[in-house]
PDB file of N, CA and C in Angstrom:
ATOM      1  N   MET A   1     115.165  34.183  61.315  1.00  0.00           N
ATOM      2  CA  MET A   1     115.930  34.601  62.458  1.00  0.00           C
ATOM      3  C   MET A   1     115.623  36.030  62.887  1.00  0.00           C
ATOM      4  N   GLU A   2     115.267  36.867  61.961  1.00  0.00           N
ATOM      5  CA  GLU A   2     114.981  38.266  62.307  1.00  0.00           C
ATOM      6  C   GLU A   2     113.790  38.353  63.263  1.00  0.00           C
ATOM      7  N   GLU A   3     112.794  37.517  63.049  1.00  0.00           N
ATOM      8  CA  GLU A   3     111.629  37.519  63.944  1.00  0.00           C
ATOM      9  C   GLU A   3     112.058  37.135  65.364  1.00  0.00           C
ATOM     10  N   LEU A   4     112.914  36.143  65.485  1.00  0.00           N
ATOM     11  CA  LEU A   4     113.426  35.733  66.791  1.00  0.00           C
ATOM     12  C   LEU A   4     114.240  36.858  67.419  1.00  0.00           C
ATOM     13  N   ARG A   5     115.081  37.508  66.632  1.00  0.00           N
ATOM     14  CA  ARG A   5     115.900  38.622  67.133  1.00  0.00           C
ATOM     15  C   ARG A   5     115.002  39.734  67.680  1.00  0.00           C
ATOM     16  N   GLN A   6     113.936  40.052  66.962  1.00  0.00           N
ATOM     17  CA  GLN A   6     113.009  41.095  67.415  1.00  0.00           C
ATOM     18  C   GLN A   6     112.299  40.661  68.698  1.00  0.00           C
ATOM     19  N   ALA A   7     111.899  39.402  68.757  1.00  0.00           N
ATOM     20  CA  ALA A   7     111.212  38.901  69.945  1.00  0.00           C
ATOM     21  C   ALA A   7     112.127  38.961  71.167  1.00  0.00           C
ATOM     22  N   ILE A   8     113.372  38.559  70.997  1.00  0.00           N
ATOM     23  CA  ILE A   8     114.324  38.600  72.107  1.00  0.00           C
ATOM     24  C   ILE A   8     114.592  40.047  72.510  1.00  0.00           C
ATOM     25  N   GLY A   9     114.620  40.943  71.562  1.00  0.00           N
ATOM     26  CA  GLY A   9     114.761  42.364  71.883  1.00  0.00           C
ATOM     27  C   GLY A   9     113.619  42.848  72.757  1.00  0.00           C
ATOM     28  N   LEU A  10     112.409  42.421  72.438  1.00  0.00           N
ATOM     29  CA  LEU A  10     111.249  42.786  73.260  1.00  0.00           C
ATOM     30  C   LEU A  10     111.338  42.186  74.657  1.00  0.00           C
ATOM     31  N   VAL A  11     111.795  40.951  74.738  1.00  0.00           N
ATOM     32  CA  VAL A  11     111.977  40.303  76.048  1.00  0.00           C
ATOM     33  C   VAL A  11     112.984  41.097  76.884  1.00  0.00           C
ATOM     34  N   ASN A  12     114.083  41.486  76.270  1.00  0.00           N
ATOM     35  CA  ASN A  12     115.103  42.247  76.987  1.00  0.00           C
ATOM     36  C   ASN A  12     114.578  43.613  77.429  1.00  0.00           C
ATOM     37  N   GLN A  13     113.783  44.258  76.589  1.00  0.00           N
ATOM     38  CA  GLN A  13     113.177  45.537  76.962  1.00  0.00           C
ATOM     39  C   GLN A  13     112.232  45.352  78.145  1.00  0.00           C
ATOM     40  N   ALA A  14     111.439  44.294  78.119  1.00  0.00           N
ATOM     41  CA  ALA A  14     110.495  44.020  79.207  1.00  0.00           C
ATOM     42  C   ALA A  14     111.248  43.736  80.504  1.00  0.00           C
ATOM     43  N   ARG A  15     112.332  42.968  80.407  1.00  0.00           N
ATOM     44  CA  ARG A  15     113.144  42.670  81.591  1.00  0.00           C
ATOM     45  C   ARG A  15     113.700  43.949  82.188  1.00  0.00           C
ATOM     46  N   GLN A  16     114.224  44.824  81.354  1.00  0.00           N
ATOM     47  CA  GLN A  16     114.787  46.078  81.840  1.00  0.00           C
ATOM     48  C   GLN A  16     113.691  46.954  82.462  1.00  0.00           C
ATOM     49  N   ALA A  17     112.526  47.007  81.834  1.00  0.00           N
ATOM     50  CA  ALA A  17     111.420  47.786  82.378  1.00  0.00           C
ATOM     51  C   ALA A  17     110.992  47.232  83.735  1.00  0.00           C
ATOM     52  N   HIS A  18     110.996  45.909  83.870  1.00  0.00           N
ATOM     53  CA  HIS A  18     110.647  45.279  85.139  1.00  0.00           C
ATOM     54  C   HIS A  18     111.650  45.674  86.228  1.00  0.00           C
ATOM     55  N   LEU A  19     112.935  45.612  85.913  1.00  0.00           N
ATOM     56  CA  LEU A  19     113.961  45.985  86.891  1.00  0.00           C
ATOM     57  C   LEU A  19     113.822  47.443  87.309  1.00  0.00           C
ATOM     58  N   GLU A  20     113.528  48.302  86.359  1.00  0.00           N
ATOM     59  CA  GLU A  20     113.345  49.716  86.673  1.00  0.00           C
ATOM     60  C   GLU A  20     112.116  49.926  87.546  1.00  0.00           C
ATOM     61  N   ALA A  21     111.028  49.212  87.259  1.00  0.00           N
ATOM     62  CA  ALA A  21     109.811  49.314  88.066  1.00  0.00           C
ATOM     63  C   ALA A  21     110.059  48.796  89.482  1.00  0.00           C
ATOM     64  N   CYS A  22     110.837  47.728  89.614  1.00  0.00           N
ATOM     65  CA  CYS A  22     111.180  47.203  90.940  1.00  0.00           C
ATOM     66  C   CYS A  22     111.982  48.234  91.730  1.00  0.00           C
ATOM     67  N   ALA A  23     112.897  48.923  91.076  1.00  0.00           N
ATOM     68  CA  ALA A  23     113.690  49.957  91.746  1.00  0.00           C
ATOM     69  C   ALA A  23     112.797  51.094  92.228  1.00  0.00           C
ATOM     70  N   ILE A  24     111.807  51.446  91.444  1.00  0.00           N
ATOM     71  CA  ILE A  24     110.860  52.501  91.843  1.00  0.00           C
ATOM     72  C   ILE A  24     110.025  52.032  93.030  1.00  0.00           C
ATOM     73  N   ALA A  25     109.569  50.785  92.987  1.00  0.00           N
ATOM     74  CA  ALA A  25     108.794  50.227  94.103  1.00  0.00           C
ATOM     75  C   ALA A  25     109.647  50.185  95.367  1.00  0.00           C
ATOM     76  N   TRP A  26     110.918  49.794  95.229  1.00  0.00           N
ATOM     77  CA  TRP A  26     111.821  49.743  96.375  1.00  0.00           C
ATOM     78  C   TRP A  26     111.984  51.132  97.001  1.00  0.00           C
ATOM     79  N   ALA A  27     112.198  52.133  96.163  1.00  0.00           N
ATOM     80  CA  ALA A  27     112.346  53.503  96.664  1.00  0.00           C
ATOM     81  C   ALA A  27     111.081  53.953  97.390  1.00  0.00           C
ATOM     82  N   ALA A  28     109.924  53.583  96.857  1.00  0.00           N
ATOM     83  CA  ALA A  28     108.659  53.948  97.503  1.00  0.00           C
ATOM     84  C   ALA A  28     108.508  53.241  98.845  1.00  0.00           C
ATOM     85  N   LEU A  29     108.912  51.974  98.910  1.00  0.00           N
ATOM     86  CA  LEU A  29     108.845  51.256 100.184  1.00  0.00           C
ATOM     87  C   LEU A  29     109.751  51.915 101.216  1.00  0.00           C
ATOM     88  N   LYS A  30     110.967  52.286 100.801  1.00  0.00           N
ATOM     89  CA  LYS A  30     111.893  52.931 101.733  1.00  0.00           C
ATOM     90  C   LYS A  30     111.295  54.219 102.297  1.00  0.00           C
ATOM     91  N   ARG A  31     110.586  54.967 101.470  1.00  0.00           N
ATOM     92  CA  ARG A  31     109.960  56.198 101.952  1.00  0.00           C
ATOM     93  C   ARG A  31     108.779  55.888 102.879  1.00  0.00           C
ATOM     94  N   ALA A  32     108.048  54.818 102.579  1.00  0.00           N
ATOM     95  CA  ALA A  32     106.847  54.483 103.347  1.00  0.00           C
ATOM     96  C   ALA A  32     107.157  53.738 104.644  1.00  0.00           C
ATOM     97  N   ASP A  33     108.174  52.866 104.632  1.00  0.00           N
ATOM     98  CA  ASP A  33     108.456  52.022 105.796  1.00  0.00           C
ATOM     99  C   ASP A  33     109.939  51.671 105.809  1.00  0.00           C
ATOM    100  N   GLN A  34     110.743  52.624 106.280  1.00  0.00           N
ATOM    101  CA  GLN A  34     112.194  52.434 106.283  1.00  0.00           C
ATOM    102  C   GLN A  34     112.605  51.241 107.138  1.00  0.00           C
ATOM    103  N   SER A  35     111.899  50.986 108.233  1.00  0.00           N
ATOM    104  CA  SER A  35     112.293  49.855 109.081  1.00  0.00           C
ATOM    105  C   SER A  35     112.103  48.525 108.357  1.00  0.00           C
ATOM    106  N   LEU A  36     111.040  48.401 107.595  1.00  0.00           N
ATOM    107  CA  LEU A  36     110.840  47.173 106.813  1.00  0.00           C
ATOM    108  C   LEU A  36     111.915  47.066 105.728  1.00  0.00           C
ATOM    109  N   ALA A  37     112.216  48.170 105.087  1.00  0.00           N
ATOM    110  CA  ALA A  37     113.285  48.155 104.071  1.00  0.00           C
ATOM    111  C   ALA A  37     114.611  47.727 104.698  1.00  0.00           C
ATOM    112  N   ASP A  38     114.892  48.208 105.899  1.00  0.00           N
ATOM    113  CA  ASP A  38     116.125  47.812 106.587  1.00  0.00           C
ATOM    114  C   ASP A  38     116.123  46.318 106.893  1.00  0.00           C
ATOM    115  N   GLU A  39     114.973  45.782 107.296  1.00  0.00           N
ATOM    116  CA  GLU A  39     114.873  44.345 107.564  1.00  0.00           C
ATOM    117  C   GLU A  39     115.125  43.537 106.294  1.00  0.00           C
ATOM    118  N   ILE A  40     114.581  44.005 105.181  1.00  0.00           N
ATOM    119  CA  ILE A  40     114.793  43.319 103.903  1.00  0.00           C
ATOM    120  C   ILE A  40     116.284  43.357 103.546  1.00  0.00           C
ATOM    121  N   LEU A  41     116.899  44.515 103.704  1.00  0.00           N
ATOM    122  CA  LEU A  41     118.329  44.635 103.389  1.00  0.00           C
ATOM    123  C   LEU A  41     119.202  43.811 104.330  1.00  0.00           C
ATOM    124  N   SER A  42     118.696  43.504 105.513  1.00  0.00           N
ATOM    125  CA  SER A  42     119.481  42.679 106.435  1.00  0.00           C
ATOM    126  C   SER A  42     119.599  41.245 105.921  1.00  0.00           C
ATOM    127  N   ARG A  43     118.723  40.870 105.015  1.00  0.00           N
ATOM    128  CA  ARG A  43     118.743  39.514 104.453  1.00  0.00           C
ATOM    129  C   ARG A  43     119.376  39.469 103.065  1.00  0.00           C
ATOM    130  N   TRP A  44     119.087  40.470 102.252  1.00  0.00           N
ATOM    131  CA  TRP A  44     119.590  40.470 100.873  1.00  0.00           C
ATOM    132  C   TRP A  44     120.691  41.497 100.744  1.00  0.00           C
ATOM    133  N   SER A  45     121.679  41.186  99.949  1.00  0.00           N
ATOM    134  CA  SER A  45     122.966  41.865  99.992  1.00  0.00           C
ATOM    135  C   SER A  45     123.032  43.219  99.301  1.00  0.00           C
ATOM    136  N   GLY A  46     122.017  43.635  98.666  1.00  0.00           N
ATOM    137  CA  GLY A  46     122.084  44.934  98.009  1.00  0.00           C
ATOM    138  C   GLY A  46     120.698  45.409  97.624  1.00  0.00           C
ATOM    139  N   GLU A  47     120.612  46.683  97.328  1.00  0.00           N
ATOM    140  CA  GLU A  47     119.304  47.252  97.018  1.00  0.00           C
ATOM    141  C   GLU A  47     118.716  46.685  95.733  1.00  0.00           C
ATOM    142  N   ASP A  48     119.559  46.371  94.749  1.00  0.00           N
ATOM    143  CA  ASP A  48     119.035  45.781  93.514  1.00  0.00           C
ATOM    144  C   ASP A  48     118.386  44.428  93.793  1.00  0.00           C
ATOM    145  N   VAL A  49     119.059  43.615  94.589  1.00  0.00           N
ATOM    146  CA  VAL A  49     118.525  42.287  94.933  1.00  0.00           C
ATOM    147  C   VAL A  49     117.261  42.438  95.778  1.00  0.00           C
ATOM    148  N   ALA A  50     117.305  43.361  96.742  1.00  0.00           N
ATOM    149  CA  ALA A  50     116.144  43.593  97.596  1.00  0.00           C
ATOM    150  C   ALA A  50     114.940  44.065  96.776  1.00  0.00           C
ATOM    151  N   ALA A  51     115.181  44.941  95.821  1.00  0.00           N
ATOM    152  CA  ALA A  51     114.099  45.452  94.982  1.00  0.00           C
ATOM    153  C   ALA A  51     113.473  44.332  94.156  1.00  0.00           C
ATOM    154  N   GLN A  52     114.312  43.464  93.619  1.00  0.00           N
ATOM    155  CA  GLN A  52     113.776  42.344  92.842  1.00  0.00           C
ATOM    156  C   GLN A  52     112.996  41.386  93.730  1.00  0.00           C
ATOM    157  N   TRP A  53     113.501  41.121  94.937  1.00  0.00           N
ATOM    158  CA  TRP A  53     112.784  40.247  95.868  1.00  0.00           C
ATOM    159  C   TRP A  53     111.435  40.848  96.235  1.00  0.00           C
ATOM    160  N   LEU A  54     111.418  42.153  96.478  1.00  0.00           N
ATOM    161  CA  LEU A  54     110.189  42.847  96.861  1.00  0.00           C
ATOM    162  C   LEU A  54     109.088  42.644  95.822  1.00  0.00           C
ATOM    163  N   CYS A  55     109.466  42.592  94.565  1.00  0.00           N
ATOM    164  CA  CYS A  55     108.487  42.515  93.471  1.00  0.00           C
ATOM    165  C   CYS A  55     108.227  41.097  92.977  1.00  0.00           C
ATOM    166  N   ARG A  56     108.931  40.115  93.514  1.00  0.00           N
ATOM    167  CA  ARG A  56     108.833  38.747  92.999  1.00  0.00           C
ATOM    168  C   ARG A  56     107.673  37.998  93.653  1.00  0.00           C
ATOM    169  N   ALA A  57     106.778  37.517  92.816  1.00  0.00           N
ATOM    170  CA  ALA A  57     105.695  36.650  93.277  1.00  0.00           C
ATOM    171  C   ALA A  57     106.080  35.212  92.955  1.00  0.00           C
ATOM    172  N   LYS A  58     105.695  34.305  93.830  1.00  0.00           N
ATOM    173  CA  LYS A  58     105.942  32.883  93.583  1.00  0.00           C
ATOM    174  C   LYS A  58     104.618  32.231  93.230  1.00  0.00           C
ATOM    175  N   GLY A  59     104.528  31.736  92.007  1.00  0.00           N
ATOM    176  CA  GLY A  59     103.286  31.096  91.572  1.00  0.00           C
ATOM    177  C   GLY A  59     102.126  32.070  91.661  1.00  0.00           C
ATOM    178  N   ASP A  60     101.074  31.640  92.321  1.00  0.00           N
ATOM    179  CA  ASP A  60      99.898  32.490  92.486  1.00  0.00           C
ATOM    180  C   ASP A  60      99.949  33.333  93.756  1.00  0.00           C
ATOM    181  N   ASP A  61     101.018  33.188  94.538  1.00  0.00           N
ATOM    182  CA  ASP A  61     101.148  33.955  95.777  1.00  0.00           C
ATOM    183  C   ASP A  61     101.475  35.407  95.461  1.00  0.00           C
ATOM    184  N   PRO A  62     101.031  36.315  96.308  1.00  0.00           N
ATOM    185  CA  PRO A  62     101.358  37.726  96.083  1.00  0.00           C
ATOM    186  C   PRO A  62     102.836  37.997  96.359  1.00  0.00           C
ATOM    187  N   SER A  63     103.344  39.028  95.732  1.00  0.00           N
ATOM    188  CA  SER A  63     104.717  39.455  95.993  1.00  0.00           C
ATOM    189  C   SER A  63     104.765  40.119  97.371  1.00  0.00           C
ATOM    190  N   PRO A  64     105.964  40.251  97.934  1.00  0.00           N
ATOM    191  CA  PRO A  64     106.067  41.000  99.185  1.00  0.00           C
ATOM    192  C   PRO A  64     105.498  42.425  99.054  1.00  0.00           C
ATOM    193  N   ALA A  65     105.694  43.063  97.918  1.00  0.00           N
ATOM    194  CA  ALA A  65     105.128  44.404  97.720  1.00  0.00           C
ATOM    195  C   ALA A  65     103.607  44.364  97.774  1.00  0.00           C
ATOM    196  N   ASP A  66     103.011  43.349  97.162  1.00  0.00           N
ATOM    197  CA  ASP A  66     101.555  43.198  97.218  1.00  0.00           C
ATOM    198  C   ASP A  66     101.076  43.007  98.650  1.00  0.00           C
ATOM    199  N   LEU A  67     101.855  42.240  99.424  1.00  0.00           N
ATOM    200  CA  LEU A  67     101.493  42.015 100.830  1.00  0.00           C
ATOM    201  C   LEU A  67     101.543  43.322 101.617  1.00  0.00           C
ATOM    202  N   VAL A  68     102.572  44.125 101.386  1.00  0.00           N
ATOM    203  CA  VAL A  68     102.673  45.418 102.065  1.00  0.00           C
ATOM    204  C   VAL A  68     101.467  46.279 101.717  1.00  0.00           C
ATOM    205  N   LEU A  69     101.120  46.322 100.438  1.00  0.00           N
ATOM    206  CA  LEU A  69      99.966  47.119 100.013  1.00  0.00           C
ATOM    207  C   LEU A  69      98.667  46.642 100.649  1.00  0.00           C
ATOM    208  N   ALA A  70      98.592  45.350 100.940  1.00  0.00           N
ATOM    209  CA  ALA A  70      97.396  44.773 101.559  1.00  0.00           C
ATOM    210  C   ALA A  70      97.409  44.918 103.083  1.00  0.00           C
ATOM    211  N   GLY A  71      98.411  45.623 103.611  1.00  0.00           N
ATOM    212  CA  GLY A  71      98.492  45.814 105.048  1.00  0.00           C
ATOM    213  C   GLY A  71      99.041  44.611 105.788  1.00  0.00           C
ATOM    214  N   ARG A  72      99.799  43.785 105.074  1.00  0.00           N
ATOM    215  CA  ARG A  72     100.318  42.550 105.654  1.00  0.00           C
ATOM    216  C   ARG A  72     101.845  42.559 105.749  1.00  0.00           C
ATOM    217  N   SER A  73     102.380  43.675 106.220  1.00  0.00           N
ATOM    218  CA  SER A  73     103.834  43.775 106.404  1.00  0.00           C
ATOM    219  C   SER A  73     104.338  42.720 107.364  1.00  0.00           C
ATOM    220  N   ASP A  74     103.492  42.300 108.317  1.00  0.00           N
ATOM    221  CA  ASP A  74     103.894  41.246 109.244  1.00  0.00           C
ATOM    222  C   ASP A  74     104.215  39.952 108.488  1.00  0.00           C
ATOM    223  N   SER A  75     103.469  39.669 107.429  1.00  0.00           N
ATOM    224  CA  SER A  75     103.749  38.481 106.614  1.00  0.00           C
ATOM    225  C   SER A  75     105.089  38.607 105.903  1.00  0.00           C
ATOM    226  N   VAL A  76     105.429  39.809 105.476  1.00  0.00           N
ATOM    227  CA  VAL A  76     106.715  40.047 104.827  1.00  0.00           C
ATOM    228  C   VAL A  76     107.841  39.843 105.843  1.00  0.00           C
ATOM    229  N   ARG A  77     107.638  40.359 107.037  1.00  0.00           N
ATOM    230  CA  ARG A  77     108.647  40.160 108.091  1.00  0.00           C
ATOM    231  C   ARG A  77     108.824  38.672 108.399  1.00  0.00           C
ATOM    232  N   ASP A  78     107.740  37.927 108.412  1.00  0.00           N
ATOM    233  CA  ASP A  78     107.820  36.471 108.613  1.00  0.00           C
ATOM    234  C   ASP A  78     108.613  35.804 107.491  1.00  0.00           C
ATOM    235  N   MET A  79     108.399  36.248 106.250  1.00  0.00           N
ATOM    236  CA  MET A  79     109.138  35.704 105.110  1.00  0.00           C
ATOM    237  C   MET A  79     110.640  35.949 105.283  1.00  0.00           C
ATOM    238  N   ILE A  80     110.984  37.150 105.742  1.00  0.00           N
ATOM    239  CA  ILE A  80     112.388  37.501 105.940  1.00  0.00           C
ATOM    240  C   ILE A  80     112.994  36.618 107.030  1.00  0.00           C
ATOM    241  N   LEU A  81     112.271  36.453 108.124  1.00  0.00           N
ATOM    242  CA  LEU A  81     112.757  35.625 109.218  1.00  0.00           C
ATOM    243  C   LEU A  81     112.959  34.175 108.778  1.00  0.00           C
ATOM    244  N   ARG A  82     111.986  33.644 108.020  1.00  0.00           N
ATOM    245  CA  ARG A  82     112.134  32.269 107.526  1.00  0.00           C
ATOM    246  C   ARG A  82     113.325  32.151 106.594  1.00  0.00           C
ATOM    247  N   ALA A  83     113.528  33.146 105.750  1.00  0.00           N
ATOM    248  CA  ALA A  83     114.655  33.123 104.815  1.00  0.00           C
ATOM    249  C   ALA A  83     115.982  33.190 105.560  1.00  0.00           C
ATOM    250  N   LYS A  84     116.047  33.985 106.620  1.00  0.00           N
ATOM    251  CA  LYS A  84     117.276  34.083 107.406  1.00  0.00           C
ATOM    252  C   LYS A  84     117.645  32.736 108.012  1.00  0.00           C
ATOM    253  N   HIS A  85     116.627  31.948 108.315  1.00  0.00           N
ATOM    254  CA  HIS A  85     116.867  30.655 108.957  1.00  0.00           C
ATOM    255  C   HIS A  85     116.864  29.501 107.955  1.00  0.00           C
ATOM    256  N   GLY A  86     116.840  29.859 106.654  1.00  0.00           N
ATOM    257  CA  GLY A  86     116.995  28.843 105.616  1.00  0.00           C
ATOM    258  C   GLY A  86     115.718  28.108 105.246  1.00  0.00           C
ATOM    259  N   PHE A  87     114.551  28.616 105.627  1.00  0.00           N
ATOM    260  CA  PHE A  87     113.305  27.921 105.317  1.00  0.00           C
ATOM    261  C   PHE A  87     112.710  28.312 103.987  1.00  0.00           C
ATOM    262  N   SER A  88     112.963  29.503 103.498  1.00  0.00           N
ATOM    263  CA  SER A  88     112.500  29.938 102.173  1.00  0.00           C
ATOM    264  C   SER A  88     113.207  31.224 101.836  1.00  0.00           C
ATOM    265  N   GLY A  89     112.913  31.761 100.632  1.00  0.00           N
ATOM    266  CA  GLY A  89     113.607  32.991 100.314  1.00  0.00           C
ATOM    267  C   GLY A  89     113.033  33.629  99.125  1.00  0.00           C
TER     268      GLY A  89
END
């Protein structure tokens, strides 16, 4: 059981590190493109949720943050619009 306890401790540390990294990415996005950050917040109810969404990749698809870095903020805006209308999220 001790090995499992240690493994779960590592999982929890990784989860916390991920959340902290998402918060840093969110803050950077707000500084780089406040209007896009506002659009994201118009769909998701808080900055913590928005930060996690920004960093979440689905399968092999890039995360919204990856899309922004690739110069594809328009794709992120499309994702937000589709989510507002119930098509994805």
